[in-house]
């Protein structure tokens, strides 16, 4: 099935989107999320094509017949690159580029490119660089054209070209080692900061959720901050932490806004962003922000839970915050703004809010205050420290 992407707007290189349905429940038949990712990266989707297969073709992922169709569609719409919604092996990517005579990228590389464009802090840039190096290290034969110059005399195997591959592989290996060492230093600094917070008896809350669920907008609304927020994927990459004063609890808590999760988040990014996501791992409470207006929110919640398991944060208490209440139609409005919702077999408290309009935020603050006071009561007298004074 193919279709023009006439509704996609924006400048940038024209790209063709391709998705393959292998019968998995989360398949995006409209390639909507891939289109948003492409636009976020500054590309312009001009056509989309989906097909069904029982299993990936070992050589071309989609098979030669479908590859011919992709090439024809790309030529028809003037696409200069092809984006696949699934991850491709280095061999599949190389074979497709030769068959299509166009650059080919996959979902993983697209996400890495977006992260590279958006990272602002020193730590964020290091994390992205590590993930990109790890990804490119498996694709040496396609990322540098000079690596294919396998020259040599008659009967010789390899030659200068082969030596160049080994040289680049060693250079990337050394760059990965250096970046890991620098990240390790950042992790130690973060760990020191967290220990200082622990000594100050600070209750820590981390915002987690699928990308574009409105975490940064909620963060700004709660702490009156000016963290960057936009209606786009991965608007926030770097963790931002502020103090949130809860009047009913009579104390301040530490609130952190973390990077948004997404389906098929590259494992390299999960590993590389361990330092940033550590804020979620070490939190006393997770505010799992959900876009209530998105019809696919159950699948998005499942993806968030999967990443939380990967980083070791699945057992931290959660409070579900169903955001974008103002974007729901009248018939979709909840009967109650506070109830329970099942997550992985457990009933979890759920609150409906609109970070944009402010609806439900007073109730959220009240519930957070109650959680902080409960945690205080659960502490032994020896653990309890004087409450930090509220400044201002």
Protein backbone atom coordinates (compact mmCIF):
# COMPACT_ATOMS: atom_id res chain seq x y z
CA UNK A 1 0.00 0.00 0.00
CA UNK A 2 1.38 3.39 -0.93
CA UNK A 3 0.12 6.91 -0.51
CA UNK A 4 1.34 10.45 -1.07
CA UNK A 5 2.13 12.45 2.03
CA UNK A 6 0.50 15.63 0.83
CA UNK A 7 -0.46 16.67 4.35
CA UNK A 8 3.16 16.76 5.48
CA UNK A 9 4.52 20.25 5.44
CA UNK A 10 7.84 21.84 5.91
CA UNK A 11 11.13 22.20 4.10
CA UNK A 12 14.12 19.95 4.21
CA UNK A 13 15.10 16.96 2.10
CA UNK A 14 12.21 15.01 0.58
CA UNK A 15 12.00 11.50 2.01
CA UNK A 16 9.92 8.37 1.41
CA UNK A 17 8.62 6.58 4.52
CA UNK A 18 8.45 2.78 4.53
CA UNK A 19 6.87 0.50 7.14
CA UNK A 20 6.64 -3.30 7.16
CA UNK A 21 3.85 -5.04 9.06
CA UNK A 22 5.12 -8.29 10.58
CA UNK A 23 1.91 -8.81 12.53
CA UNK A 24 3.11 -7.05 15.68
CA UNK A 25 0.42 -5.21 17.71
CA UNK A 26 2.17 -1.82 17.72
CA UNK A 27 2.53 -1.49 13.93
CA UNK A 28 1.78 2.09 12.86
CA UNK A 29 -0.20 1.56 9.67
CA UNK A 30 -0.29 5.29 8.89
CA UNK A 31 3.42 5.78 9.68
CA UNK A 32 2.27 8.80 11.68
CA UNK A 33 5.02 8.67 14.28
CA UNK A 34 7.77 8.09 11.70
CA UNK A 35 6.45 11.13 9.82
CA UNK A 36 6.63 13.24 13.00
CA UNK A 37 10.16 11.98 13.66
CA UNK A 38 11.18 12.90 10.11
CA UNK A 39 9.71 16.40 10.44
CA UNK A 40 11.39 16.83 13.83
CA UNK A 41 14.70 16.01 12.13
CA UNK A 42 14.00 18.71 9.52
CA UNK A 43 12.99 16.34 6.71
CA UNK A 44 9.93 16.52 4.45
CA UNK A 45 7.98 13.24 4.00
CA UNK A 46 6.54 13.24 0.47
CA UNK A 47 5.15 9.69 0.27
CA UNK A 48 4.49 6.64 2.45
CA UNK A 49 4.49 2.94 1.68
CA UNK A 50 3.50 -0.01 3.88
CA UNK A 51 3.52 -3.72 3.17
CA UNK A 52 3.04 -7.02 4.97
CA UNK A 53 5.57 -9.81 5.43
CA UNK A 54 5.81 -12.84 7.66
CA UNK A 55 9.50 -12.21 8.29
CA UNK A 56 12.19 -9.77 7.10
CA UNK A 57 14.03 -10.61 3.88
CA UNK A 58 17.63 -11.37 4.85
CA UNK A 59 19.12 -9.32 2.01
CA UNK A 60 16.69 -6.45 1.33
CA UNK A 61 14.35 -6.56 4.35
CA UNK A 62 11.34 -6.12 2.02
CA UNK A 63 12.23 -8.43 -0.88
CA UNK A 64 13.32 -7.46 -4.39
CA UNK A 65 9.80 -6.88 -5.80
CA UNK A 66 8.85 -4.43 -3.06
CA UNK A 67 12.28 -2.79 -3.30
CA UNK A 68 11.57 -2.10 -6.99
CA UNK A 69 8.24 -0.54 -5.98
CA UNK A 70 9.99 1.66 -3.42
CA UNK A 71 12.49 2.84 -6.04
CA UNK A 72 9.68 3.71 -8.50
CA UNK A 73 7.68 5.57 -5.83
CA UNK A 74 10.75 7.51 -4.69
CA UNK A 75 11.46 8.60 -8.27
CA UNK A 76 7.81 9.56 -8.79
CA UNK A 77 7.76 11.86 -5.73
CA UNK A 78 11.32 13.15 -5.99
CA UNK A 79 12.44 11.59 -2.71
CA UNK A 80 16.18 11.80 -2.10
CA UNK A 81 16.25 9.38 0.84
CA UNK A 82 14.25 6.41 2.13
CA UNK A 83 13.38 6.01 5.84
CA UNK A 84 12.35 2.65 7.30
CA UNK A 85 10.18 2.48 10.43
CA UNK A 86 12.09 -0.58 11.65
CA UNK A 87 15.75 -1.17 12.42
CA UNK A 88 17.82 -2.49 9.52
CA UNK A 89 20.93 -4.63 9.76
CA UNK A 90 24.10 -3.13 8.28
CA UNK A 91 23.93 -5.63 5.37
CA UNK A 92 20.26 -4.87 4.65
CA UNK A 93 20.96 -1.14 4.70
CA UNK A 94 23.91 -1.51 2.34
CA UNK A 95 22.02 -3.80 -0.05
CA UNK A 96 19.00 -1.49 -0.13
CA UNK A 97 21.15 1.53 -0.95
CA UNK A 98 22.71 -0.31 -3.87
CA UNK A 99 19.32 -1.55 -5.11
CA UNK A 100 17.48 1.77 -4.70
CA UNK A 101 20.45 3.96 -5.62
CA UNK A 102 19.43 6.25 -2.76
CA UNK A 103 20.57 6.78 0.84
CA UNK A 104 18.63 4.55 3.26
CA UNK A 105 18.21 5.18 6.99
CA UNK A 106 16.22 3.41 9.67
CA UNK A 107 14.23 4.49 12.70
CA UNK A 108 17.23 4.06 15.01
CA UNK A 109 19.46 6.40 13.00
CA UNK A 110 16.66 8.97 12.70
CA UNK A 111 16.18 9.09 16.47
CA UNK A 112 19.94 9.41 16.96
CA UNK A 113 20.02 12.33 14.51
CA UNK A 114 17.22 14.11 16.39
CA UNK A 115 19.00 13.60 19.69
CA UNK A 116 22.21 14.97 18.17
CA UNK A 117 20.36 18.10 17.00
CA UNK A 118 18.58 18.66 20.32
CA UNK A 119 21.19 17.91 23.00
CA UNK A 120 22.22 21.13 24.73
CA UNK A 121 24.09 20.24 27.91
CA UNK A 122 27.62 18.87 27.99
CA UNK A 123 26.30 15.59 29.40
CA UNK A 124 23.56 15.30 26.79
CA UNK A 125 26.01 15.84 23.94
CA UNK A 126 28.34 13.18 25.37
CA UNK A 127 25.48 10.69 25.67
CA UNK A 128 24.33 11.24 22.10
CA UNK A 129 27.88 11.05 20.77
CA UNK A 130 28.41 7.69 22.48
CA UNK A 131 25.19 6.27 21.07
CA UNK A 132 26.00 7.48 17.56
CA UNK A 133 29.53 6.08 17.69
CA UNK A 134 28.21 2.71 18.82
CA UNK A 135 25.67 2.69 15.99
CA UNK A 136 28.15 3.78 13.30
CA UNK A 137 30.77 1.29 14.43
CA UNK A 138 28.60 -1.49 12.98
CA UNK A 139 28.13 0.39 9.69
CA UNK A 140 31.65 1.35 8.72
CA UNK A 141 31.27 -0.03 5.21
CA UNK A 142 28.45 2.35 4.33
CA UNK A 143 29.16 5.60 6.14
CA UNK A 144 32.50 6.37 4.49
CA UNK A 145 32.79 5.88 0.74
CA UNK A 146 36.57 5.59 0.81
CA UNK A 147 36.24 2.36 2.78
CA UNK A 148 35.06 0.54 -0.34
CA UNK A 149 38.35 1.15 -2.18
CA UNK A 150 39.58 -2.43 -1.90
CA UNK A 151 42.69 -1.90 -4.07
CA UNK A 152 45.72 -4.11 -4.47
CA UNK A 153 47.80 -6.02 -6.98
CA UNK A 154 46.78 -9.19 -8.82
CA UNK A 155 46.10 -11.96 -6.36
CA UNK A 156 46.16 -9.59 -3.41
CA UNK A 157 43.28 -9.66 -0.93
CA UNK A 158 42.31 -6.44 0.70
CA UNK A 159 45.08 -3.90 0.47
CA UNK A 160 45.00 -0.19 1.46
CA UNK A 161 41.21 -0.21 1.58
CA UNK A 162 41.15 -2.95 4.15
CA UNK A 163 43.76 -1.10 6.20
CA UNK A 164 41.57 2.03 6.10
CA UNK A 165 38.62 0.06 7.50
CA UNK A 166 40.76 -1.17 10.39
CA UNK A 167 42.07 2.36 10.96
CA UNK A 168 38.57 3.85 11.14
CA UNK A 169 37.38 1.00 13.34
CA UNK A 170 40.23 1.66 15.75
CA UNK A 171 39.57 5.43 15.69
CA UNK A 172 35.90 4.86 16.52
CA UNK A 173 36.86 2.40 19.26
CA UNK A 174 39.17 4.97 20.83
CA UNK A 175 36.50 7.68 20.55
CA UNK A 176 33.97 5.38 22.27
CA UNK A 177 36.46 4.71 25.08
CA UNK A 178 37.17 8.44 25.58
CA UNK A 179 33.47 9.34 25.56
CA UNK A 180 32.66 6.60 28.08
CA UNK A 181 35.38 7.89 30.41
CA UNK A 182 34.03 11.44 30.20
CA UNK A 183 30.49 10.20 30.82
CA UNK A 184 31.69 8.18 33.80
CA UNK A 185 33.06 11.39 35.30
CA UNK A 186 29.69 13.11 34.78
CA UNK A 187 27.95 10.15 36.45
CA UNK A 188 30.20 10.47 39.49
CA UNK A 189 29.41 14.19 39.72
CA UNK A 190 25.68 13.45 39.52
CA UNK A 191 26.03 10.75 42.17
CA UNK A 192 27.71 13.25 44.50
CA UNK A 193 24.89 15.74 43.93
CA UNK A 194 22.29 13.05 44.68
CA UNK A 195 24.06 12.05 47.92
CA UNK A 196 24.02 15.70 48.97
CA UNK A 197 20.27 15.81 48.28
CA UNK A 198 19.79 12.60 50.28
CA UNK A 199 21.64 14.11 53.23
CA UNK A 200 19.31 17.09 53.04
CA UNK A 201 16.35 14.70 53.27
CA UNK A 202 14.97 15.79 49.91
CA UNK A 203 11.94 13.96 48.51
CA UNK A 204 12.59 13.46 44.79
CA UNK A 205 9.97 13.25 42.03
CA UNK A 206 10.72 12.50 38.37
CA UNK A 207 8.46 13.14 35.40
CA UNK A 208 8.51 10.25 32.92
CA UNK A 209 6.34 9.49 29.92
CA UNK A 210 6.11 9.02 26.18
CA UNK A 211 7.59 11.83 24.12
CA UNK A 212 5.20 14.73 23.49
CA UNK A 213 2.94 13.78 26.42
CA UNK A 214 3.37 17.29 27.86
CA UNK A 215 5.94 16.60 30.58
CA UNK A 216 7.85 19.85 30.12
CA UNK A 217 4.64 21.90 30.00
CA UNK A 218 3.54 20.26 33.27
CA UNK A 219 6.99 20.83 34.77
CA UNK A 220 6.85 24.54 33.89
CA UNK A 221 3.31 24.86 35.26
CA UNK A 222 4.27 23.28 38.59
CA UNK A 223 7.56 25.06 39.29
CA UNK A 224 7.01 28.28 37.28
CA UNK A 225 10.14 27.45 35.29
CA UNK A 226 10.95 28.23 31.68
CA UNK A 227 12.18 24.85 30.51
CA UNK A 228 11.82 24.45 26.75
CA UNK A 229 8.47 22.95 25.79
CA UNK A 230 7.00 22.45 22.33
CA UNK A 231 4.38 20.33 20.58
CA UNK A 232 6.94 18.04 18.97
CA UNK A 233 8.81 14.81 19.62
CA UNK A 234 11.85 15.02 21.91
CA UNK A 235 11.47 18.70 22.73
CA UNK A 236 13.41 18.02 25.94
CA UNK A 237 16.56 15.89 26.08
CA UNK A 238 18.45 17.15 29.10
CA UNK A 239 17.21 16.55 32.63
CA UNK A 240 16.09 19.74 34.39
CA UNK A 241 15.65 19.78 38.18
CA UNK A 242 13.91 22.47 40.24
CA UNK A 243 12.51 22.83 43.73
CA UNK A 244 8.72 22.54 44.02
CA UNK A 245 7.17 23.97 47.19
CA UNK A 246 4.10 22.06 48.40
CA UNK A 247 2.14 24.23 50.81
CA UNK A 248 0.03 21.41 52.29
CA UNK A 249 3.21 19.49 53.17
CA UNK A 250 5.02 22.61 54.36
CA UNK A 251 8.18 21.71 52.47
CA UNK A 252 9.92 21.68 49.11
CA UNK A 253 10.58 18.61 46.97
CA UNK A 254 12.98 18.04 44.07
CA UNK A 255 11.17 17.76 40.70
CA UNK A 256 13.02 16.52 37.57
CA UNK A 257 11.90 16.57 33.95
CA UNK A 258 13.51 13.72 31.97
CA UNK A 259 13.82 12.77 28.29
CA UNK A 260 10.67 11.35 26.70
CA UNK A 261 10.45 7.67 25.80
CA UNK A 262 9.38 6.29 22.44
CA UNK A 263 8.58 2.98 20.79
CA UNK A 264 11.69 1.01 19.85
CA UNK A 265 14.00 3.45 21.63
CA UNK A 266 17.48 2.39 20.48
CA UNK A 267 19.16 0.27 23.13
CA UNK A 268 22.31 2.31 22.64
CA UNK A 269 20.41 5.39 23.74
CA UNK A 270 18.99 3.63 26.78
CA UNK A 271 22.54 2.69 27.77
CA UNK A 272 24.02 6.05 26.85
CA UNK A 273 21.32 8.02 28.67
CA UNK A 274 21.70 5.98 31.86
CA UNK A 275 23.16 9.02 33.59
CA UNK A 276 20.20 11.20 32.67
CA UNK A 277 17.63 8.48 33.34
CA UNK A 278 19.32 7.86 36.70
CA UNK A 279 17.15 10.71 37.98
CA UNK A 280 14.16 8.42 37.42
CA UNK A 281 15.91 5.39 38.94
CA UNK A 282 16.71 7.30 42.16
CA UNK A 283 13.32 9.01 42.51
CA UNK A 284 10.97 8.47 45.44
CA UNK A 285 7.98 8.90 43.13
CA UNK A 286 7.46 8.83 39.37
CA UNK A 287 4.87 11.05 37.74
CA UNK A 288 3.99 9.01 34.64
CA UNK A 289 2.59 11.65 32.28
CA UNK A 290 0.20 10.32 29.62
CA UNK A 291 -1.30 12.14 26.64
CA UNK A 292 -4.97 11.39 27.34
CA UNK A 293 -5.97 12.76 23.93
CA UNK A 294 -3.82 10.25 22.02
CA UNK A 295 -5.87 7.19 20.96
CA UNK A 296 -2.73 5.04 21.24
CA UNK A 297 -1.99 5.98 24.86
CA UNK A 298 -2.24 2.35 26.18
CA UNK A 299 0.54 1.26 23.79
CA UNK A 300 2.58 4.34 24.72
CA UNK A 301 2.22 3.51 28.41
CA UNK A 302 3.43 -0.03 27.70
CA UNK A 303 6.52 1.38 25.98
CA UNK A 304 7.28 3.61 28.98
CA UNK A 305 6.94 0.64 31.33
CA UNK A 306 9.31 -1.37 29.13
CA UNK A 307 12.01 1.32 29.36
CA UNK A 308 11.46 1.68 33.11
CA UNK A 309 12.14 -2.05 33.44
CA UNK A 310 15.31 -1.68 31.33
CA UNK A 311 16.74 1.08 33.53
CA UNK A 312 15.71 -0.56 36.82
CA UNK A 313 12.96 1.91 37.75
CA UNK A 314 9.90 -0.34 37.38
CA UNK A 315 9.42 -0.81 41.15
CA UNK A 316 9.37 2.88 42.04
CA UNK A 317 5.87 4.06 43.08
CA UNK A 318 3.98 5.78 40.28
CA UNK A 319 1.27 8.36 40.02
CA UNK A 320 -0.46 8.49 36.62
CA UNK A 321 -1.06 11.99 35.31
CA UNK A 322 -3.41 11.93 32.31
CA UNK A 323 -2.57 15.25 30.67
CA UNK A 324 -4.22 17.32 27.89
CA UNK A 325 -7.66 17.18 29.46
CA UNK A 326 -8.46 20.34 27.50
CA UNK A 327 -7.90 18.45 24.21
CA UNK A 328 -10.59 15.83 24.94
CA UNK A 329 -13.99 16.08 23.26
CA UNK A 330 -17.06 16.51 25.47
CA UNK A 331 -17.97 12.81 25.21
CA UNK A 332 -14.39 11.82 26.19
CA UNK A 333 -14.31 13.89 29.37
CA UNK A 334 -13.82 11.66 32.45
CA UNK A 335 -16.61 11.35 35.01
CA UNK A 336 -14.04 11.72 37.80
CA UNK A 337 -10.78 13.66 37.77
CA UNK A 338 -9.22 11.19 40.20
CA UNK A 339 -9.52 7.40 40.04
CA UNK A 340 -7.47 4.19 39.64
CA UNK A 341 -5.99 2.65 36.48
CA UNK A 342 -4.42 -0.78 36.03
CA UNK A 343 -0.72 -0.89 35.13
CA UNK A 344 0.92 -4.31 34.81
CA UNK A 345 -1.71 -5.94 37.02
CA UNK A 346 -1.52 -3.27 39.72
CA UNK A 347 -4.04 -0.49 40.36
CA UNK A 348 -2.29 2.88 40.24
CA UNK A 349 -3.77 6.25 41.27
CA UNK A 350 -4.67 8.39 38.25
CA UNK A 351 -5.30 12.13 38.01
CA UNK A 352 -6.63 14.06 35.00
CA UNK A 353 -5.04 17.47 34.41
CA UNK A 354 -4.40 20.07 31.75
CA UNK A 355 -0.90 21.46 32.12
CA UNK A 356 -1.76 24.10 29.52
CA UNK A 357 -4.94 25.47 31.15
CA UNK A 358 -4.04 24.61 34.76
CA UNK A 359 -7.13 22.43 35.33
CA UNK A 360 -6.49 19.78 37.96
CA UNK A 361 -3.07 21.10 39.04
CA UNK A 362 -4.24 22.12 42.52
CA UNK A 363 -5.51 18.58 43.03
CA UNK A 364 -2.16 17.20 41.82
CA UNK A 365 -0.30 19.36 44.32
CA UNK A 366 -2.62 18.15 47.09
CA UNK A 367 -1.98 14.49 46.20
CA UNK A 368 1.78 15.10 46.03
CA UNK A 369 1.69 16.77 49.44
CA UNK A 370 -0.11 13.73 50.88
CA UNK A 371 2.54 11.41 49.40
CA UNK A 372 5.35 13.47 50.93
CA UNK A 373 3.69 13.47 54.36
CA UNK A 374 3.10 9.71 54.15
CA UNK A 375 6.76 9.15 53.34
CA UNK A 376 7.70 11.35 56.27
CA UNK A 377 5.56 9.28 58.65
CA UNK A 378 7.11 6.05 57.36
CA UNK A 379 10.60 7.23 58.34
CA UNK A 380 12.04 6.17 61.67
CA UNK A 381 12.79 8.97 64.17
CA UNK A 382 16.52 8.46 63.55
CA UNK A 383 16.00 8.94 59.81
CA UNK A 384 13.94 12.07 60.14
CA UNK A 385 15.77 15.34 59.64
CA UNK A 386 14.52 18.87 60.14
CA UNK A 387 12.30 20.02 57.31
CA UNK A 388 14.13 22.38 54.92
CA UNK A 389 12.92 25.91 55.27
CA UNK A 390 10.96 27.35 52.41
CA UNK A 391 12.75 30.26 50.88
CA UNK A 392 10.63 32.96 49.36
